[in-house]
Amino acid sequence: MRISLLAAALVALPLLAACGGGDDKPADVSQADVSKALQDGGLKDAALADCAAKIYVGQGISQAGLRVMIKNDAKSAAATDPESLGMSKEDAEKARAATSKIVTDCLKQQ
């Protein structure tokens, strides 16, 4: 079970990310939005999705970066690098750090 949770955490970002689009004034992305996107993307453990969302938001990823993460796009599901998905270099570094933190922090709670 622990291995499947680890795998889920490692693939969470690519399942969430997509090329960003632009609205004039998009709504702020909340922790709940990120958790829902994780669950809609295939992470069936709600507690793990909530924990991961808390870390992604707490890591300081910009609203633009979070919007990129929650847009589900089949073309980008196979991508593994946040920068290639449309995130800024700074947000991509934060997302990679968050993913590492998810593996260590969220899986301990399981």
PDB file of N, CA and C in Angstrom:
ATOM      1  N   MET A   1       0.826  -1.185   0.000  1.00  0.00           N
ATOM      2  CA  MET A   1       0.000   0.000   0.000  1.00  0.00           C
ATOM      3  C   MET A   1       0.869   1.246   0.000  1.00  0.00           C
ATOM      4  N   ARG A   2       1.940   1.231   0.766  1.00  0.00           N
ATOM      5  CA  ARG A   2       2.820   2.387   0.858  1.00  0.00           C
ATOM      6  C   ARG A   2       3.452   2.705  -0.495  1.00  0.00           C
ATOM      7  N   ILE A   3       3.779   1.673  -1.264  1.00  0.00           N
ATOM      8  CA  ILE A   3       4.375   1.874  -2.579  1.00  0.00           C
ATOM      9  C   ILE A   3       3.366   2.536  -3.509  1.00  0.00           C
ATOM     10  N   SER A   4       2.107   2.112  -3.455  1.00  0.00           N
ATOM     11  CA  SER A   4       1.105   2.717  -4.336  1.00  0.00           C
ATOM     12  C   SER A   4       0.857   4.176  -3.961  1.00  0.00           C
ATOM     13  N   LEU A   5       0.917   4.499  -2.682  1.00  0.00           N
ATOM     14  CA  LEU A   5       0.755   5.897  -2.262  1.00  0.00           C
ATOM     15  C   LEU A   5       1.934   6.734  -2.724  1.00  0.00           C
ATOM     16  N   LEU A   6       3.130   6.158  -2.644  1.00  0.00           N
ATOM     17  CA  LEU A   6       4.317   6.855  -3.115  1.00  0.00           C
ATOM     18  C   LEU A   6       4.205   7.119  -4.610  1.00  0.00           C
ATOM     19  N   ALA A   7       3.783   6.119  -5.339  1.00  0.00           N
ATOM     20  CA  ALA A   7       3.620   6.278  -6.786  1.00  0.00           C
ATOM     21  C   ALA A   7       2.575   7.346  -7.095  1.00  0.00           C
ATOM     22  N   ALA A   8       1.495   7.357  -6.331  1.00  0.00           N
ATOM     23  CA  ALA A   8       0.448   8.361  -6.543  1.00  0.00           C
ATOM     24  C   ALA A   8       0.983   9.767  -6.311  1.00  0.00           C
ATOM     25  N   ALA A   9       1.786   9.927  -5.273  1.00  0.00           N
ATOM     26  CA  ALA A   9       2.354  11.249  -4.989  1.00  0.00           C
ATOM     27  C   ALA A   9       3.304  11.691  -6.091  1.00  0.00           C
ATOM     28  N   LEU A  10       4.072  10.760  -6.618  1.00  0.00           N
ATOM     29  CA  LEU A  10       5.038  11.110  -7.662  1.00  0.00           C
ATOM     30  C   LEU A  10       4.380  11.444  -8.987  1.00  0.00           C
ATOM     31  N   VAL A  11       3.218  10.891  -9.255  1.00  0.00           N
ATOM     32  CA  VAL A  11       2.558  11.176 -10.518  1.00  0.00           C
ATOM     33  C   VAL A  11       1.497  12.258 -10.393  1.00  0.00           C
ATOM     34  N   ALA A  12       1.270  12.763  -9.200  1.00  0.00           N
ATOM     35  CA  ALA A  12       0.210  13.754  -8.998  1.00  0.00           C
ATOM     36  C   ALA A  12       0.414  15.002  -9.836  1.00  0.00           C
ATOM     37  N   LEU A  13       1.600  15.544  -9.859  1.00  0.00           N
ATOM     38  CA  LEU A  13       1.832  16.778 -10.594  1.00  0.00           C
ATOM     39  C   LEU A  13       1.560  16.630 -12.086  1.00  0.00           C
ATOM     40  N   PRO A  14       2.092  15.616 -12.751  1.00  0.00           N
ATOM     41  CA  PRO A  14       1.795  15.495 -14.179  1.00  0.00           C
ATOM     42  C   PRO A  14       0.318  15.297 -14.470  1.00  0.00           C
ATOM     43  N   LEU A  15      -0.412  14.645 -13.577  1.00  0.00           N
ATOM     44  CA  LEU A  15      -1.836  14.448 -13.789  1.00  0.00           C
ATOM     45  C   LEU A  15      -2.600  15.747 -13.668  1.00  0.00           C
ATOM     46  N   LEU A  16      -2.054  16.696 -12.918  1.00  0.00           N
ATOM     47  CA  LEU A  16      -2.730  17.963 -12.708  1.00  0.00           C
ATOM     48  C   LEU A  16      -2.402  19.002 -13.760  1.00  0.00           C
ATOM     49  N   ALA A  17      -1.225  18.943 -14.286  1.00  0.00           N
ATOM     50  CA  ALA A  17      -0.707  20.068 -15.052  1.00  0.00           C
ATOM     51  C   ALA A  17      -1.199  20.078 -16.488  1.00  0.00           C
ATOM     52  N   ALA A  18      -1.167  21.275 -17.043  1.00  0.00           N
ATOM     53  CA  ALA A  18      -1.549  21.460 -18.445  1.00  0.00           C
ATOM     54  C   ALA A  18      -1.016  22.802 -18.901  1.00  0.00           C
ATOM     55  N   CYS A  19      -1.045  23.018 -20.198  1.00  0.00           N
ATOM     56  CA  CYS A  19      -0.652  24.325 -20.707  1.00  0.00           C
ATOM     57  C   CYS A  19      -1.680  25.344 -20.251  1.00  0.00           C
ATOM     58  N   GLY A  20      -1.225  26.461 -19.750  1.00  0.00           N
ATOM     59  CA  GLY A  20      -2.108  27.472 -19.195  1.00  0.00           C
ATOM     60  C   GLY A  20      -2.805  28.282 -20.269  1.00  0.00           C
ATOM     61  N   GLY A  21      -3.983  28.709 -19.936  1.00  0.00           N
ATOM     62  CA  GLY A  21      -4.723  29.627 -20.772  1.00  0.00           C
ATOM     63  C   GLY A  21      -4.963  30.877 -19.970  1.00  0.00           C
ATOM     64  N   GLY A  22      -5.564  31.864 -20.537  1.00  0.00           N
ATOM     65  CA  GLY A  22      -5.718  33.089 -19.785  1.00  0.00           C
ATOM     66  C   GLY A  22      -7.144  33.591 -19.785  1.00  0.00           C
ATOM     67  N   ASP A  23      -7.631  33.928 -18.611  1.00  0.00           N
ATOM     68  CA  ASP A  23      -8.889  34.630 -18.452  1.00  0.00           C
ATOM     69  C   ASP A  23      -8.525  36.043 -18.028  1.00  0.00           C
ATOM     70  N   ASP A  24      -9.458  36.958 -18.186  1.00  0.00           N
ATOM     71  CA  ASP A  24      -9.174  38.326 -17.776  1.00  0.00           C
ATOM     72  C   ASP A  24      -8.880  38.403 -16.289  1.00  0.00           C
ATOM     73  N   LYS A  25      -9.751  37.859 -15.467  1.00  0.00           N
ATOM     74  CA  LYS A  25      -9.568  37.889 -14.027  1.00  0.00           C
ATOM     75  C   LYS A  25     -10.024  36.558 -13.453  1.00  0.00           C
ATOM     76  N   PRO A  26      -9.189  35.530 -13.534  1.00  0.00           N
ATOM     77  CA  PRO A  26      -9.594  34.219 -13.017  1.00  0.00           C
ATOM     78  C   PRO A  26      -9.673  34.232 -11.487  1.00  0.00           C
ATOM     79  N   ALA A  27     -10.529  33.386 -10.979  1.00  0.00           N
ATOM     80  CA  ALA A  27     -10.674  33.262  -9.532  1.00  0.00           C
ATOM     81  C   ALA A  27      -9.417  32.639  -8.940  1.00  0.00           C
ATOM     82  N   ASP A  28      -9.139  32.980  -7.687  1.00  0.00           N
ATOM     83  CA  ASP A  28      -7.993  32.385  -7.004  1.00  0.00           C
ATOM     84  C   ASP A  28      -8.202  30.887  -6.850  1.00  0.00           C
ATOM     85  N   VAL A  29      -7.111  30.157  -6.988  1.00  0.00           N
ATOM     86  CA  VAL A  29      -7.131  28.708  -6.823  1.00  0.00           C
ATOM     87  C   VAL A  29      -6.936  28.417  -5.337  1.00  0.00           C
ATOM     88  N   SER A  30      -7.845  27.658  -4.766  1.00  0.00           N
ATOM     89  CA  SER A  30      -7.781  27.330  -3.341  1.00  0.00           C
ATOM     90  C   SER A  30      -7.173  25.947  -3.134  1.00  0.00           C
ATOM     91  N   GLN A  31      -6.884  25.656  -1.890  1.00  0.00           N
ATOM     92  CA  GLN A  31      -6.390  24.331  -1.521  1.00  0.00           C
ATOM     93  C   GLN A  31      -7.424  23.271  -1.898  1.00  0.00           C
ATOM     94  N   ALA A  32      -8.699  23.593  -1.702  1.00  0.00           N
ATOM     95  CA  ALA A  32      -9.774  22.654  -2.054  1.00  0.00           C
ATOM     96  C   ALA A  32      -9.806  22.390  -3.561  1.00  0.00           C
ATOM     97  N   ASP A  33      -9.537  23.428  -4.366  1.00  0.00           N
ATOM     98  CA  ASP A  33      -9.494  23.258  -5.824  1.00  0.00           C
ATOM     99  C   ASP A  33      -8.381  22.296  -6.221  1.00  0.00           C
ATOM    100  N   VAL A  34      -7.214  22.451  -5.599  1.00  0.00           N
ATOM    101  CA  VAL A  34      -6.077  21.586  -5.915  1.00  0.00           C
ATOM    102  C   VAL A  34      -6.389  20.148  -5.497  1.00  0.00           C
ATOM    103  N   SER A  35      -6.972  19.979  -4.317  1.00  0.00           N
ATOM    104  CA  SER A  35      -7.325  18.638  -3.848  1.00  0.00           C
ATOM    105  C   SER A  35      -8.323  17.974  -4.792  1.00  0.00           C
ATOM    106  N   LYS A  36      -9.340  18.730  -5.210  1.00  0.00           N
ATOM    107  CA  LYS A  36     -10.340  18.180  -6.128  1.00  0.00           C
ATOM    108  C   LYS A  36      -9.685  17.790  -7.452  1.00  0.00           C
ATOM    109  N   ALA A  37      -8.795  18.631  -7.959  1.00  0.00           N
ATOM    110  CA  ALA A  37      -8.119  18.317  -9.219  1.00  0.00           C
ATOM    111  C   ALA A  37      -7.272  17.050  -9.083  1.00  0.00           C
ATOM    112  N   LEU A  38      -6.607  16.892  -7.941  1.00  0.00           N
ATOM    113  CA  LEU A  38      -5.832  15.672  -7.705  1.00  0.00           C
ATOM    114  C   LEU A  38      -6.735  14.446  -7.729  1.00  0.00           C
ATOM    115  N   GLN A  39      -7.871  14.557  -7.042  1.00  0.00           N
ATOM    116  CA  GLN A  39      -8.798  13.431  -6.994  1.00  0.00           C
ATOM    117  C   GLN A  39      -9.416  13.159  -8.365  1.00  0.00           C
ATOM    118  N   ASP A  40      -9.766  14.218  -9.092  1.00  0.00           N
ATOM    119  CA  ASP A  40     -10.320  14.048 -10.434  1.00  0.00           C
ATOM    120  C   ASP A  40      -9.274  13.457 -11.384  1.00  0.00           C
ATOM    121  N   GLY A  41      -7.989  13.716 -11.089  1.00  0.00           N
ATOM    122  CA  GLY A  41      -6.907  13.210 -11.916  1.00  0.00           C
ATOM    123  C   GLY A  41      -6.520  11.777 -11.612  1.00  0.00           C
ATOM    124  N   GLY A  42      -7.164  11.163 -10.625  1.00  0.00           N
ATOM    125  CA  GLY A  42      -6.921   9.753 -10.370  1.00  0.00           C
ATOM    126  C   GLY A  42      -6.404   9.415  -8.990  1.00  0.00           C
ATOM    127  N   LEU A  43      -6.147  10.399  -8.150  1.00  0.00           N
ATOM    128  CA  LEU A  43      -5.686  10.131  -6.792  1.00  0.00           C
ATOM    129  C   LEU A  43      -6.921   9.885  -5.932  1.00  0.00           C
ATOM    130  N   LYS A  44      -7.217   8.623  -5.686  1.00  0.00           N
ATOM    131  CA  LYS A  44      -8.480   8.253  -5.047  1.00  0.00           C
ATOM    132  C   LYS A  44      -8.484   8.438  -3.526  1.00  0.00           C
ATOM    133  N   ASP A  45      -7.338   8.543  -2.903  1.00  0.00           N
ATOM    134  CA  ASP A  45      -7.258   8.723  -1.460  1.00  0.00           C
ATOM    135  C   ASP A  45      -7.458  10.202  -1.137  1.00  0.00           C
ATOM    136  N   ALA A  46      -8.648  10.568  -0.625  1.00  0.00           N
ATOM    137  CA  ALA A  46      -8.985  11.970  -0.361  1.00  0.00           C
ATOM    138  C   ALA A  46      -8.050  12.602   0.670  1.00  0.00           C
ATOM    139  N   ALA A  47      -7.662  11.841   1.686  1.00  0.00           N
ATOM    140  CA  ALA A  47      -6.765  12.380   2.708  1.00  0.00           C
ATOM    141  C   ALA A  47      -5.398  12.701   2.118  1.00  0.00           C
ATOM    142  N   LEU A  48      -4.912  11.846   1.252  1.00  0.00           N
ATOM    143  CA  LEU A  48      -3.627  12.093   0.591  1.00  0.00           C
ATOM    144  C   LEU A  48      -3.732  13.297  -0.343  1.00  0.00           C
ATOM    145  N   ALA A  49      -4.838  13.406  -1.067  1.00  0.00           N
ATOM    146  CA  ALA A  49      -5.053  14.552  -1.961  1.00  0.00           C
ATOM    147  C   ALA A  49      -5.111  15.849  -1.163  1.00  0.00           C
ATOM    148  N   ASP A  50      -5.796  15.831  -0.024  1.00  0.00           N
ATOM    149  CA  ASP A  50      -5.867  17.025   0.833  1.00  0.00           C
ATOM    150  C   ASP A  50      -4.495  17.406   1.358  1.00  0.00           C
ATOM    151  N   CYS A  51      -3.729  16.428   1.793  1.00  0.00           N
ATOM    152  CA  CYS A  51      -2.382  16.677   2.304  1.00  0.00           C
ATOM    153  C   CYS A  51      -1.495  17.251   1.202  1.00  0.00           C
ATOM    154  N   ALA A  52      -1.562  16.662   0.027  1.00  0.00           N
ATOM    155  CA  ALA A  52      -0.753  17.135  -1.099  1.00  0.00           C
ATOM    156  C   ALA A  52      -1.150  18.555  -1.490  1.00  0.00           C
ATOM    157  N   ALA A  53      -2.436  18.829  -1.543  1.00  0.00           N
ATOM    158  CA  ALA A  53      -2.918  20.167  -1.895  1.00  0.00           C
ATOM    159  C   ALA A  53      -2.429  21.209  -0.898  1.00  0.00           C
ATOM    160  N   LYS A  54      -2.465  20.853   0.373  1.00  0.00           N
ATOM    161  CA  LYS A  54      -1.995  21.776   1.412  1.00  0.00           C
ATOM    162  C   LYS A  54      -0.517  22.115   1.193  1.00  0.00           C
ATOM    163  N   ILE A  55       0.262  21.126   0.832  1.00  0.00           N
ATOM    164  CA  ILE A  55       1.695  21.349   0.606  1.00  0.00           C
ATOM    165  C   ILE A  55       1.922  22.169  -0.659  1.00  0.00           C
ATOM    166  N   TYR A  56       1.225  21.842  -1.753  1.00  0.00           N
ATOM    167  CA  TYR A  56       1.391  22.612  -2.988  1.00  0.00           C
ATOM    168  C   TYR A  56       1.064  24.086  -2.758  1.00  0.00           C
ATOM    169  N   VAL A  57      -0.052  24.366  -2.092  1.00  0.00           N
ATOM    170  CA  VAL A  57      -0.441  25.756  -1.844  1.00  0.00           C
ATOM    171  C   VAL A  57       0.525  26.407  -0.857  1.00  0.00           C
ATOM    172  N   GLY A  58       0.891  25.683   0.189  1.00  0.00           N
ATOM    173  CA  GLY A  58       1.796  26.212   1.210  1.00  0.00           C
ATOM    174  C   GLY A  58       3.210  26.448   0.710  1.00  0.00           C
ATOM    175  N   GLN A  59       3.580  25.807  -0.377  1.00  0.00           N
ATOM    176  CA  GLN A  59       4.925  25.951  -0.933  1.00  0.00           C
ATOM    177  C   GLN A  59       5.106  27.319  -1.584  1.00  0.00           C
ATOM    178  N   GLY A  60       4.011  28.035  -1.795  1.00  0.00           N
ATOM    179  CA  GLY A  60       4.106  29.380  -2.353  1.00  0.00           C
ATOM    180  C   GLY A  60       4.058  29.433  -3.868  1.00  0.00           C
ATOM    181  N   ILE A  61       3.523  28.403  -4.494  1.00  0.00           N
ATOM    182  CA  ILE A  61       3.351  28.420  -5.947  1.00  0.00           C
ATOM    183  C   ILE A  61       2.359  29.542  -6.270  1.00  0.00           C
ATOM    184  N   SER A  62       2.675  30.332  -7.282  1.00  0.00           N
ATOM    185  CA  SER A  62       1.819  31.462  -7.650  1.00  0.00           C
ATOM    186  C   SER A  62       0.441  30.983  -8.106  1.00  0.00           C
ATOM    187  N   GLN A  63      -0.509  31.895  -8.123  1.00  0.00           N
ATOM    188  CA  GLN A  63      -1.844  31.566  -8.609  1.00  0.00           C
ATOM    189  C   GLN A  63      -1.786  31.087 -10.053  1.00  0.00           C
ATOM    190  N   ALA A  64      -0.945  31.714 -10.861  1.00  0.00           N
ATOM    191  CA  ALA A  64      -0.799  31.283 -12.262  1.00  0.00           C
ATOM    192  C   ALA A  64      -0.282  29.842 -12.317  1.00  0.00           C
ATOM    193  N   GLY A  65       0.690  29.519 -11.467  1.00  0.00           N
ATOM    194  CA  GLY A  65       1.224  28.162 -11.419  1.00  0.00           C
ATOM    195  C   GLY A  65       0.195  27.160 -10.946  1.00  0.00           C
ATOM    196  N   LEU A  66      -0.586  27.537  -9.931  1.00  0.00           N
ATOM    197  CA  LEU A  66      -1.640  26.645  -9.447  1.00  0.00           C
ATOM    198  C   LEU A  66      -2.702  26.428 -10.521  1.00  0.00           C
ATOM    199  N   ARG A  67      -3.026  27.479 -11.273  1.00  0.00           N
ATOM    200  CA  ARG A  67      -4.002  27.319 -12.359  1.00  0.00           C
ATOM    201  C   ARG A  67      -3.480  26.339 -13.409  1.00  0.00           C
ATOM    202  N   VAL A  68      -2.200  26.406 -13.701  1.00  0.00           N
ATOM    203  CA  VAL A  68      -1.606  25.453 -14.645  1.00  0.00           C
ATOM    204  C   VAL A  68      -1.761  24.039 -14.098  1.00  0.00           C
ATOM    205  N   MET A  69      -1.514  23.886 -12.795  1.00  0.00           N
ATOM    206  CA  MET A  69      -1.579  22.553 -12.185  1.00  0.00           C
ATOM    207  C   MET A  69      -2.969  21.945 -12.250  1.00  0.00           C
ATOM    208  N   ILE A  70      -4.006  22.741 -12.041  1.00  0.00           N
ATOM    209  CA  ILE A  70      -5.338  22.146 -11.917  1.00  0.00           C
ATOM    210  C   ILE A  70      -6.050  21.954 -13.244  1.00  0.00           C
ATOM    211  N   LYS A  71      -5.476  22.495 -14.318  1.00  0.00           N
ATOM    212  CA  LYS A  71      -6.101  22.278 -15.628  1.00  0.00           C
ATOM    213  C   LYS A  71      -5.727  20.887 -16.115  1.00  0.00           C
ATOM    214  N   ASN A  72      -6.719  20.061 -16.303  1.00  0.00           N
ATOM    215  CA  ASN A  72      -6.488  18.693 -16.789  1.00  0.00           C
ATOM    216  C   ASN A  72      -6.484  18.677 -18.291  1.00  0.00           C
ATOM    217  N   ASP A  73      -5.397  18.209 -18.869  1.00  0.00           N
ATOM    218  CA  ASP A  73      -5.258  18.136 -20.318  1.00  0.00           C
ATOM    219  C   ASP A  73      -4.591  16.815 -20.646  1.00  0.00           C
ATOM    220  N   ALA A  74      -5.226  15.988 -21.454  1.00  0.00           N
ATOM    221  CA  ALA A  74      -4.692  14.664 -21.763  1.00  0.00           C
ATOM    222  C   ALA A  74      -3.304  14.739 -22.386  1.00  0.00           C
ATOM    223  N   LYS A  75      -3.021  15.795 -23.163  1.00  0.00           N
ATOM    224  CA  LYS A  75      -1.714  15.905 -23.813  1.00  0.00           C
ATOM    225  C   LYS A  75      -0.597  16.051 -22.797  1.00  0.00           C
ATOM    226  N   SER A  76      -0.884  16.676 -21.673  1.00  0.00           N
ATOM    227  CA  SER A  76       0.185  16.938 -20.716  1.00  0.00           C
ATOM    228  C   SER A  76       0.272  15.899 -19.613  1.00  0.00           C
ATOM    229  N   ALA A  77      -0.651  14.972 -19.570  1.00  0.00           N
ATOM    230  CA  ALA A  77      -0.652  13.986 -18.493  1.00  0.00           C
ATOM    231  C   ALA A  77       0.611  13.150 -18.471  1.00  0.00           C
ATOM    232  N   ALA A  78       1.237  12.983 -19.615  1.00  0.00           N
ATOM    233  CA  ALA A  78       2.449  12.177 -19.679  1.00  0.00           C
ATOM    234  C   ALA A  78       3.710  12.985 -19.371  1.00  0.00           C
ATOM    235  N   ALA A  79       3.609  14.304 -19.316  1.00  0.00           N
ATOM    236  CA  ALA A  79       4.782  15.141 -19.059  1.00  0.00           C
ATOM    237  C   ALA A  79       5.207  15.025 -17.607  1.00  0.00           C
ATOM    238  N   THR A  80       6.499  15.163 -17.364  1.00  0.00           N
ATOM    239  CA  THR A  80       6.992  15.021 -16.003  1.00  0.00           C
ATOM    240  C   THR A  80       7.665  16.277 -15.475  1.00  0.00           C
ATOM    241  N   ASP A  81       7.966  17.237 -16.331  1.00  0.00           N
ATOM    242  CA  ASP A  81       8.657  18.441 -15.910  1.00  0.00           C
ATOM    243  C   ASP A  81       7.674  19.600 -15.853  1.00  0.00           C
ATOM    244  N   PRO A  82       7.480  20.209 -14.664  1.00  0.00           N
ATOM    245  CA  PRO A  82       6.518  21.301 -14.542  1.00  0.00           C
ATOM    246  C   PRO A  82       6.779  22.463 -15.506  1.00  0.00           C
ATOM    247  N   GLU A  83       8.041  22.766 -15.805  1.00  0.00           N
ATOM    248  CA  GLU A  83       8.337  23.863 -16.728  1.00  0.00           C
ATOM    249  C   GLU A  83       7.808  23.571 -18.125  1.00  0.00           C
ATOM    250  N   SER A  84       7.877  22.314 -18.544  1.00  0.00           N
ATOM    251  CA  SER A  84       7.384  21.969 -19.872  1.00  0.00           C
ATOM    252  C   SER A  84       5.867  22.048 -19.935  1.00  0.00           C
ATOM    253  N   LEU A  85       5.227  22.131 -18.785  1.00  0.00           N
ATOM    254  CA  LEU A  85       3.773  22.216 -18.723  1.00  0.00           C
ATOM    255  C   LEU A  85       3.279  23.651 -18.720  1.00  0.00           C
ATOM    256  N   GLY A  86       4.183  24.614 -18.717  1.00  0.00           N
ATOM    257  CA  GLY A  86       3.792  26.005 -18.766  1.00  0.00           C
ATOM    258  C   GLY A  86       4.034  26.773 -17.484  1.00  0.00           C
ATOM    259  N   MET A  87       4.640  26.168 -16.490  1.00  0.00           N
ATOM    260  CA  MET A  87       4.948  26.860 -15.238  1.00  0.00           C
ATOM    261  C   MET A  87       6.214  27.682 -15.391  1.00  0.00           C
ATOM    262  N   SER A  88       6.283  28.764 -14.623  1.00  0.00           N
ATOM    263  CA  SER A  88       7.524  29.530 -14.586  1.00  0.00           C
ATOM    264  C   SER A  88       8.608  28.681 -13.927  1.00  0.00           C
ATOM    265  N   LYS A  89       9.859  29.057 -14.138  1.00  0.00           N
ATOM    266  CA  LYS A  89      10.967  28.308 -13.542  1.00  0.00           C
ATOM    267  C   LYS A  89      10.841  28.292 -12.016  1.00  0.00           C
ATOM    268  N   GLU A  90      10.486  29.435 -11.448  1.00  0.00           N
ATOM    269  CA  GLU A  90      10.342  29.532  -9.983  1.00  0.00           C
ATOM    270  C   GLU A  90       9.223  28.622  -9.474  1.00  0.00           C
ATOM    271  N   ASP A  91       8.064  28.652 -10.136  1.00  0.00           N
ATOM    272  CA  ASP A  91       6.954  27.787  -9.730  1.00  0.00           C
ATOM    273  C   ASP A  91       7.292  26.319  -9.924  1.00  0.00           C
ATOM    274  N   ALA A  92       8.010  26.004 -11.000  1.00  0.00           N
ATOM    275  CA  ALA A  92       8.393  24.614 -11.255  1.00  0.00           C
ATOM    276  C   ALA A  92       9.300  24.100 -10.144  1.00  0.00           C
ATOM    277  N   GLU A  93      10.225  24.932  -9.688  1.00  0.00           N
ATOM    278  CA  GLU A  93      11.106  24.532  -8.582  1.00  0.00           C
ATOM    279  C   GLU A  93      10.291  24.315  -7.308  1.00  0.00           C
ATOM    280  N   LYS A  94       9.337  25.185  -7.058  1.00  0.00           N
ATOM    281  CA  LYS A  94       8.470  25.041  -5.881  1.00  0.00           C
ATOM    282  C   LYS A  94       7.627  23.770  -5.984  1.00  0.00           C
ATOM    283  N   ALA A  95       7.132  23.474  -7.179  1.00  0.00           N
ATOM    284  CA  ALA A  95       6.312  22.271  -7.377  1.00  0.00           C
ATOM    285  C   ALA A  95       7.138  21.007  -7.156  1.00  0.00           C
ATOM    286  N   ARG A  96       8.377  21.002  -7.651  1.00  0.00           N
ATOM    287  CA  ARG A  96       9.244  19.831  -7.429  1.00  0.00           C
ATOM    288  C   ARG A  96       9.548  19.668  -5.938  1.00  0.00           C
ATOM    289  N   ALA A  97       9.808  20.780  -5.250  1.00  0.00           N
ATOM    290  CA  ALA A  97      10.075  20.717  -3.808  1.00  0.00           C
ATOM    291  C   ALA A  97       8.834  20.218  -3.066  1.00  0.00           C
ATOM    292  N   ALA A  98       7.664  20.690  -3.487  1.00  0.00           N
ATOM    293  CA  ALA A  98       6.413  20.257  -2.856  1.00  0.00           C
ATOM    294  C   ALA A  98       6.196  18.767  -3.059  1.00  0.00           C
ATOM    295  N   THR A  99       6.477  18.265  -4.248  1.00  0.00           N
ATOM    296  CA  THR A  99       6.296  16.841  -4.527  1.00  0.00           C
ATOM    297  C   THR A  99       7.195  15.998  -3.621  1.00  0.00           C
ATOM    298  N   SER A 100       8.419  16.444  -3.430  1.00  0.00           N
ATOM    299  CA  SER A 100       9.325  15.728  -2.511  1.00  0.00           C
ATOM    300  C   SER A 100       8.784  15.751  -1.093  1.00  0.00           C
ATOM    301  N   LYS A 101       8.265  16.896  -0.694  1.00  0.00           N
ATOM    302  CA  LYS A 101       7.714  17.044   0.656  1.00  0.00           C
ATOM    303  C   LYS A 101       6.464  16.167   0.833  1.00  0.00           C
ATOM    304  N   ILE A 102       5.677  16.050  -0.208  1.00  0.00           N
ATOM    305  CA  ILE A 102       4.483  15.202  -0.157  1.00  0.00           C
ATOM    306  C   ILE A 102       4.871  13.760   0.115  1.00  0.00           C
ATOM    307  N   VAL A 103       5.932  13.306  -0.556  1.00  0.00           N
ATOM    308  CA  VAL A 103       6.397  11.932  -0.371  1.00  0.00           C
ATOM    309  C   VAL A 103       6.789  11.702   1.084  1.00  0.00           C
ATOM    310  N   THR A 104       7.491  12.645   1.675  1.00  0.00           N
ATOM    311  CA  THR A 104       7.963  12.455   3.056  1.00  0.00           C
ATOM    312  C   THR A 104       6.869  12.756   4.095  1.00  0.00           C
ATOM    313  N   ASP A 105       6.094  13.799   3.904  1.00  0.00           N
ATOM    314  CA  ASP A 105       5.120  14.205   4.920  1.00  0.00           C
ATOM    315  C   ASP A 105       3.775  13.495   4.820  1.00  0.00           C
ATOM    316  N   CYS A 106       3.202  13.443   3.648  1.00  0.00           N
ATOM    317  CA  CYS A 106       1.850  12.884   3.504  1.00  0.00           C
ATOM    318  C   CYS A 106       1.829  11.377   3.646  1.00  0.00           C
ATOM    319  N   LEU A 107       2.867  10.720   3.184  1.00  0.00           N
ATOM    320  CA  LEU A 107       2.879   9.260   3.276  1.00  0.00           C
ATOM    321  C   LEU A 107       3.087   8.788   4.707  1.00  0.00           C
ATOM    322  N   LYS A 108       3.711   9.609   5.549  1.00  0.00           N
ATOM    323  CA  LYS A 108       3.863   9.246   6.969  1.00  0.00           C
ATOM    324  C   LYS A 108       2.510   9.173   7.656  1.00  0.00           C
ATOM    325  N   GLN A 109       1.564   9.973   7.192  1.00  0.00           N
ATOM    326  CA  GLN A 109       0.245  10.014   7.801  1.00  0.00           C
ATOM    327  C   GLN A 109      -0.598   8.809   7.425  1.00  0.00           C
ATOM    328  N   GLN A 110      -0.211   8.112   6.400  1.00  0.00           N
ATOM    329  CA  GLN A 110      -1.007   6.990   5.896  1.00  0.00           C
ATOM    330  C   GLN A 110      -0.851   5.760   6.757  1.00  0.00           C
TER     331      GLN A 110
END
